[in-house]
C-alpha atoms as a PDB file:
ATOM      1  CA  UNK A   1      52.996 -42.324 -14.733  1.00  0.00           C
ATOM      2  CA  UNK A   2      50.172 -42.865 -16.361  1.00  0.00           C
ATOM      3  CA  UNK A   3      48.144 -40.018 -17.641  1.00  0.00           C
ATOM      4  CA  UNK A   4      44.171 -39.485 -16.638  1.00  0.00           C
ATOM      5  CA  UNK A   5      41.624 -40.917 -18.692  1.00  0.00           C
ATOM      6  CA  UNK A   6      39.043 -39.313 -20.080  1.00  0.00           C
ATOM      7  CA  UNK A   7      36.639 -39.145 -17.455  1.00  0.00           C
ATOM      8  CA  UNK A   8      39.190 -38.884 -14.238  1.00  0.00           C
ATOM      9  CA  UNK A   9      40.225 -35.357 -16.657  1.00  0.00           C
ATOM     10  CA  UNK A  10      35.811 -34.308 -17.129  1.00  0.00           C
ATOM     11  CA  UNK A  11      36.084 -34.442 -13.208  1.00  0.00           C
ATOM     12  CA  UNK A  12      38.894 -32.399 -12.228  1.00  0.00           C
ATOM     13  CA  UNK A  13      37.702 -29.535 -14.261  1.00  0.00           C
ATOM     14  CA  UNK A  14      34.484 -29.986 -13.392  1.00  0.00           C
ATOM     15  CA  UNK A  15      35.807 -29.653  -9.932  1.00  0.00           C
ATOM     16  CA  UNK A  16      38.276 -26.549 -10.889  1.00  0.00           C
ATOM     17  CA  UNK A  17      35.137 -25.003 -12.565  1.00  0.00           C
ATOM     18  CA  UNK A  18      33.445 -25.180  -9.080  1.00  0.00           C
ATOM     19  CA  UNK A  19      36.071 -23.926  -7.136  1.00  0.00           C
ATOM     20  CA  UNK A  20      35.913 -20.383  -8.904  1.00  0.00           C
ATOM     21  CA  UNK A  21      31.695 -20.517  -9.066  1.00  0.00           C
ATOM     22  CA  UNK A  22      32.007 -20.540  -4.921  1.00  0.00           C
ATOM     23  CA  UNK A  23      35.337 -18.270  -5.102  1.00  0.00           C
ATOM     24  CA  UNK A  24      33.541 -15.822  -7.358  1.00  0.00           C
ATOM     25  CA  UNK A  25      30.540 -16.223  -4.782  1.00  0.00           C
ATOM     26  CA  UNK A  26      32.523 -15.860  -1.768  1.00  0.00           C
ATOM     27  CA  UNK A  27      34.590 -13.026  -2.924  1.00  0.00           C
ATOM     28  CA  UNK A  28      30.884 -11.213  -4.088  1.00  0.00           C
ATOM     29  CA  UNK A  29      29.862 -11.611  -0.749  1.00  0.00           C
ATOM     30  CA  UNK A  30      32.683 -10.774   1.225  1.00  0.00           C
ATOM     31  CA  UNK A  31      32.287  -7.570  -0.722  1.00  0.00           C
ATOM     32  CA  UNK A  32      29.104  -6.408  -0.630  1.00  0.00           C
ATOM     33  CA  UNK A  33      29.340  -6.896   3.518  1.00  0.00           C
ATOM     34  CA  UNK A  34      30.324  -3.721   4.075  1.00  0.00           C
ATOM     35  CA  UNK A  35      27.805  -1.761   2.251  1.00  0.00           C
ATOM     36  CA  UNK A  36      24.897  -3.675   3.245  1.00  0.00           C
ATOM     37  CA  UNK A  37      26.294  -3.649   7.313  1.00  0.00           C
ATOM     38  CA  UNK A  38      26.485   0.532   6.865  1.00  0.00           C
ATOM     39  CA  UNK A  39      23.270   1.056   4.820  1.00  0.00           C
ATOM     40  CA  UNK A  40      21.719  -1.425   7.379  1.00  0.00           C
ATOM     41  CA  UNK A  41      22.700   0.881   9.983  1.00  0.00           C
ATOM     42  CA  UNK A  42      22.047   4.046   7.783  1.00  0.00           C
ATOM     43  CA  UNK A  43      18.532   2.568   7.325  1.00  0.00           C
ATOM     44  CA  UNK A  44      17.780   2.519  10.678  1.00  0.00           C
ATOM     45  CA  UNK A  45      18.976   6.100  12.280  1.00  0.00           C
ATOM     46  CA  UNK A  46      15.975   7.202   8.559  1.00  0.00           C
ATOM     47  CA  UNK A  47      13.657   5.343   9.152  1.00  0.00           C
ATOM     48  CA  UNK A  48      13.709   5.311  13.309  1.00  0.00           C
ATOM     49  CA  UNK A  49      13.672   9.839  12.189  1.00  0.00           C
ATOM     50  CA  UNK A  50      11.177   9.032   9.868  1.00  0.00           C
ATOM     51  CA  UNK A  51       8.793   7.588  13.033  1.00  0.00           C
ATOM     52  CA  UNK A  52       9.284   9.142  16.241  1.00  0.00           C
ATOM     53  CA  UNK A  53      10.721  12.600  14.467  1.00  0.00           C
ATOM     54  CA  UNK A  54       8.634  12.909  11.667  1.00  0.00           C
ATOM     55  CA  UNK A  55       9.306  16.721  11.445  1.00  0.00           C
ATOM     56  CA  UNK A  56      13.272  16.035  10.437  1.00  0.00           C
ATOM     57  CA  UNK A  57      12.626  13.035   8.492  1.00  0.00           C
ATOM     58  CA  UNK A  58      13.663  14.468   5.443  1.00  0.00           C
ATOM     59  CA  UNK A  59      16.741  16.266   6.343  1.00  0.00           C
ATOM     60  CA  UNK A  60      17.598  13.075   8.680  1.00  0.00           C
ATOM     61  CA  UNK A  61      17.107  10.939   4.863  1.00  0.00           C
ATOM     62  CA  UNK A  62      18.825  13.679   3.314  1.00  0.00           C
ATOM     63  CA  UNK A  63      21.913  13.198   5.575  1.00  0.00           C
ATOM     64  CA  UNK A  64      21.833   9.024   5.485  1.00  0.00           C
ATOM     65  CA  UNK A  65      21.494   9.147   2.230  1.00  0.00           C
ATOM     66  CA  UNK A  66      24.579  11.619   1.528  1.00  0.00           C
ATOM     67  CA  UNK A  67      26.281   9.726   4.594  1.00  0.00           C
ATOM     68  CA  UNK A  68      26.007   5.718   2.663  1.00  0.00           C
ATOM     69  CA  UNK A  69      26.428   7.641  -0.994  1.00  0.00           C
ATOM     70  CA  UNK A  70      29.805   8.399   0.556  1.00  0.00           C
ATOM     71  CA  UNK A  71      30.823   5.681   2.323  1.00  0.00           C
ATOM     72  CA  UNK A  72      29.633   3.367  -0.250  1.00  0.00           C
ATOM     73  CA  UNK A  73      32.215   4.876  -2.841  1.00  0.00           C
ATOM     74  CA  UNK A  74      34.914   4.730   0.256  1.00  0.00           C
ATOM     75  CA  UNK A  75      33.762   1.661   0.583  1.00  0.00           C
ATOM     76  CA  UNK A  76      33.933   0.398  -2.897  1.00  0.00           C
ATOM     77  CA  UNK A  77      37.288   2.271  -3.442  1.00  0.00           C
ATOM     78  CA  UNK A  78      38.337   0.192  -0.483  1.00  0.00           C
ATOM     79  CA  UNK A  79      38.037  -2.843  -2.245  1.00  0.00           C
ATOM     80  CA  UNK A  80      39.777  -1.906  -5.625  1.00  0.00           C
ATOM     81  CA  UNK A  81      42.764  -4.260  -6.554  1.00  0.00           C
ATOM     82  CA  UNK A  82      45.477  -3.164  -7.563  1.00  0.00           C
ATOM     83  CA  UNK A  83      44.468  -3.756 -11.538  1.00  0.00           C
ATOM     84  CA  UNK A  84      40.831  -1.729 -10.642  1.00  0.00           C
ATOM     85  CA  UNK A  85      40.729   1.711 -10.747  1.00  0.00           C
ATOM     86  CA  UNK A  86      40.771   3.044  -7.069  1.00  0.00           C
ATOM     87  CA  UNK A  87      37.297   4.653  -8.640  1.00  0.00           C
ATOM     88  CA  UNK A  88      34.212   2.406 -11.053  1.00  0.00           C
ATOM     89  CA  UNK A  89      33.364   4.808 -13.394  1.00  0.00           C
ATOM     90  CA  UNK A  90      30.874   2.130 -13.740  1.00  0.00           C
ATOM     91  CA  UNK A  91      29.093   1.731 -10.162  1.00  0.00           C
ATOM     92  CA  UNK A  92      29.028   6.068 -10.462  1.00  0.00           C
ATOM     93  CA  UNK A  93      26.798   6.012 -13.453  1.00  0.00           C
ATOM     94  CA  UNK A  94      25.314   2.903 -11.961  1.00  0.00           C
ATOM     95  CA  UNK A  95      24.026   4.864  -8.984  1.00  0.00           C
ATOM     96  CA  UNK A  96      23.647   7.826 -11.403  1.00  0.00           C
ATOM     97  CA  UNK A  97      20.450   5.577 -12.653  1.00  0.00           C
ATOM     98  CA  UNK A  98      19.235   3.933  -9.482  1.00  0.00           C
ATOM     99  CA  UNK A  99      19.191   7.626  -8.572  1.00  0.00           C
ATOM    100  CA  UNK A 100      17.095   8.811 -11.649  1.00  0.00           C
ATOM    101  CA  UNK A 101      15.010   5.996 -12.238  1.00  0.00           C
ATOM    102  CA  UNK A 102      13.589   5.899  -8.379  1.00  0.00           C
ATOM    103  CA  UNK A 103      12.897   9.839  -9.680  1.00  0.00           C
ATOM    104  CA  UNK A 104      11.572   8.745 -12.357  1.00  0.00           C
ATOM    105  CA  UNK A 105       8.668   6.439 -10.631  1.00  0.00           C
ATOM    106  CA  UNK A 106       8.127   8.490  -7.784  1.00  0.00           C
ATOM    107  CA  UNK A 107       6.961  11.547 -10.847  1.00  0.00           C
ATOM    108  CA  UNK A 108       4.754   8.747 -11.853  1.00  0.00           C
ATOM    109  CA  UNK A 109       3.466   7.564  -9.509  1.00  0.00           C
ATOM    110  CA  UNK A 110       2.982  10.343  -7.337  1.00  0.00           C
ATOM    111  CA  UNK A 111       2.866   8.724  -3.760  1.00  0.00           C
ATOM    112  CA  UNK A 112       0.406  10.191  -1.611  1.00  0.00           C
ATOM    113  CA  UNK A 113       2.243   9.576   1.447  1.00  0.00           C
ATOM    114  CA  UNK A 114       5.799   8.603   2.795  1.00  0.00           C
ATOM    115  CA  UNK A 115       5.336   5.253   3.821  1.00  0.00           C
ATOM    116  CA  UNK A 116       4.629   4.400  -0.372  1.00  0.00           C
ATOM    117  CA  UNK A 117       7.839   6.437  -0.949  1.00  0.00           C
ATOM    118  CA  UNK A 118       9.788   4.326   2.058  1.00  0.00           C
ATOM    119  CA  UNK A 119       8.001   1.028   1.016  1.00  0.00           C
ATOM    120  CA  UNK A 120       9.250   1.580  -2.937  1.00  0.00           C
ATOM    121  CA  UNK A 121      12.456   2.317  -2.026  1.00  0.00           C
ATOM    122  CA  UNK A 122      13.883  -0.919  -0.198  1.00  0.00           C
ATOM    123  CA  UNK A 123      11.371  -2.980  -2.831  1.00  0.00           C
ATOM    124  CA  UNK A 124      13.996  -1.392  -5.779  1.00  0.00           C
ATOM    125  CA  UNK A 125      16.735  -2.211  -3.523  1.00  0.00           C
ATOM    126  CA  UNK A 126      15.554  -5.942  -2.504  1.00  0.00           C
ATOM    127  CA  UNK A 127      14.967  -6.096  -6.408  1.00  0.00           C
ATOM    128  CA  UNK A 128      18.969  -5.445  -6.625  1.00  0.00           C
ATOM    129  CA  UNK A 129      19.727  -7.803  -4.281  1.00  0.00           C
ATOM    130  CA  UNK A 130      18.204 -10.074  -5.480  1.00  0.00           C
ATOM    131  CA  UNK A 131      19.813  -9.858  -9.618  1.00  0.00           C
ATOM    132  CA  UNK A 132      23.014  -9.257  -8.049  1.00  0.00           C
ATOM    133  CA  UNK A 133      21.862 -12.905  -5.996  1.00  0.00           C
ATOM    134  CA  UNK A 134      22.007 -14.108  -9.179  1.00  0.00           C
ATOM    135  CA  UNK A 135      24.600 -13.491 -10.633  1.00  0.00           C
ATOM    136  CA  UNK A 136      27.001 -13.909  -7.274  1.00  0.00           C
ATOM    137  CA  UNK A 137      24.486 -16.150  -5.322  1.00  0.00           C
ATOM    138  CA  UNK A 138      22.372 -17.468  -3.403  1.00  0.00           C
ATOM    139  CA  UNK A 139      22.398 -15.647  -0.236  1.00  0.00           C
ATOM    140  CA  UNK A 140      21.967 -12.210  -1.376  1.00  0.00           C
ATOM    141  CA  UNK A 141      18.500 -13.726  -3.168  1.00  0.00           C
ATOM    142  CA  UNK A 142      17.799 -14.713   0.132  1.00  0.00           C
ATOM    143  CA  UNK A 143      18.255 -11.359   1.074  1.00  0.00           C
ATOM    144  CA  UNK A 144      16.279  -9.603  -1.930  1.00  0.00           C
ATOM    145  CA  UNK A 145      13.221 -11.635  -0.782  1.00  0.00           C
ATOM    146  CA  UNK A 146      13.005 -11.192   2.746  1.00  0.00           C
ATOM    147  CA  UNK A 147      13.288  -7.000   2.876  1.00  0.00           C
ATOM    148  CA  UNK A 148      10.490  -7.139   0.097  1.00  0.00           C
ATOM    149  CA  UNK A 149       8.485  -9.419   2.214  1.00  0.00           C
ATOM    150  CA  UNK A 150       9.194  -8.019   5.659  1.00  0.00           C
ATOM    151  CA  UNK A 151       8.725  -4.036   3.736  1.00  0.00           C
ATOM    152  CA  UNK A 152       5.187  -5.440   2.561  1.00  0.00           C
ATOM    153  CA  UNK A 153       4.134  -6.885   5.822  1.00  0.00           C
ATOM    154  CA  UNK A 154       4.708  -3.562   7.129  1.00  0.00           C
ATOM    155  CA  UNK A 155       3.377  -1.483   4.854  1.00  0.00           C
ATOM    156  CA  UNK A 156       0.282  -3.532   4.784  1.00  0.00           C
ATOM    157  CA  UNK A 157      -0.032  -4.546   8.636  1.00  0.00           C
ATOM    158  CA  UNK A 158       1.542  -2.032   9.937  1.00  0.00           C
ATOM    159  CA  UNK A 159       0.659   0.896   8.181  1.00  0.00           C
ATOM    160  CA  UNK A 160       0.969   3.523  11.220  1.00  0.00           C
ATOM    161  CA  UNK A 161       4.062   2.441  13.041  1.00  0.00           C
ATOM    162  CA  UNK A 162       5.695   1.388   9.178  1.00  0.00           C
ATOM    163  CA  UNK A 163       8.868   3.761   9.826  1.00  0.00           C
ATOM    164  CA  UNK A 164       9.862   1.685  13.299  1.00  0.00           C
ATOM    165  CA  UNK A 165       9.142  -1.754  11.164  1.00  0.00           C
ATOM    166  CA  UNK A 166      11.482  -0.837   8.741  1.00  0.00           C
ATOM    167  CA  UNK A 167      13.761   0.884  11.442  1.00  0.00           C
ATOM    168  CA  UNK A 168      14.425  -2.496  12.995  1.00  0.00           C
ATOM    169  CA  UNK A 169      13.339  -4.912  10.677  1.00  0.00           C
ATOM    170  CA  UNK A 170      14.744  -3.981   7.778  1.00  0.00           C
ATOM    171  CA  UNK A 171      18.286  -2.183   8.960  1.00  0.00           C
ATOM    172  CA  UNK A 172      18.511  -5.762  11.388  1.00  0.00           C
ATOM    173  CA  UNK A 173      17.997  -7.597   7.751  1.00  0.00           C
ATOM    174  CA  UNK A 174      20.708  -5.625   6.345  1.00  0.00           C
ATOM    175  CA  UNK A 175      22.986  -5.971   9.184  1.00  0.00           C
ATOM    176  CA  UNK A 176      22.381  -9.743   9.525  1.00  0.00           C
ATOM    177  CA  UNK A 177      22.487 -10.434   5.993  1.00  0.00           C
ATOM    178  CA  UNK A 178      25.913  -8.514   6.275  1.00  0.00           C
ATOM    179  CA  UNK A 179      27.329 -10.509   8.968  1.00  0.00           C
ATOM    180  CA  UNK A 180      26.069 -13.773   7.376  1.00  0.00           C
ATOM    181  CA  UNK A 181      28.176 -13.438   3.823  1.00  0.00           C
ATOM    182  CA  UNK A 182      31.200 -12.199   6.212  1.00  0.00           C
ATOM    183  CA  UNK A 183      30.717 -16.383   7.538  1.00  0.00           C
ATOM    184  CA  UNK A 184      31.490 -17.472   3.828  1.00  0.00           C
END
């Protein structure tokens, strides 16, 4: 049996590294998919209620946020492995930081209508997906860019039905992306 040449060994190490990166991306995609599907359904409910029954928008978003937070926590606990704690304090405090950051932005910007608030949230979410995508894989970058583009399209070109636009297009984009990530 002959030993591999230097080039063969370097090629083998490069192949191993590529496989590890692909495996990390696939794991990240499959982990993110249920969260995207959950939040897609919740966006449909929240934005749909905002457009069709504005009187109940505040209550709907409160309920959607609570269900989303609890659902995301449960999904996160379910996807935890034996080596990880079932409850991640890092994820919990990341959510708390995001909520405080969002409240700070709203207090500084003082939006004059609900559509402005309804646009800022998905733009922040889109930014988060792009940043996650930089670390995990290009599909999340694509999702973030699409969500941002669709949000801006609805905000500027369909202001009278922005809520319905975000319910249909925003919710469907999240659900579709979740299903797309599961196919990897």
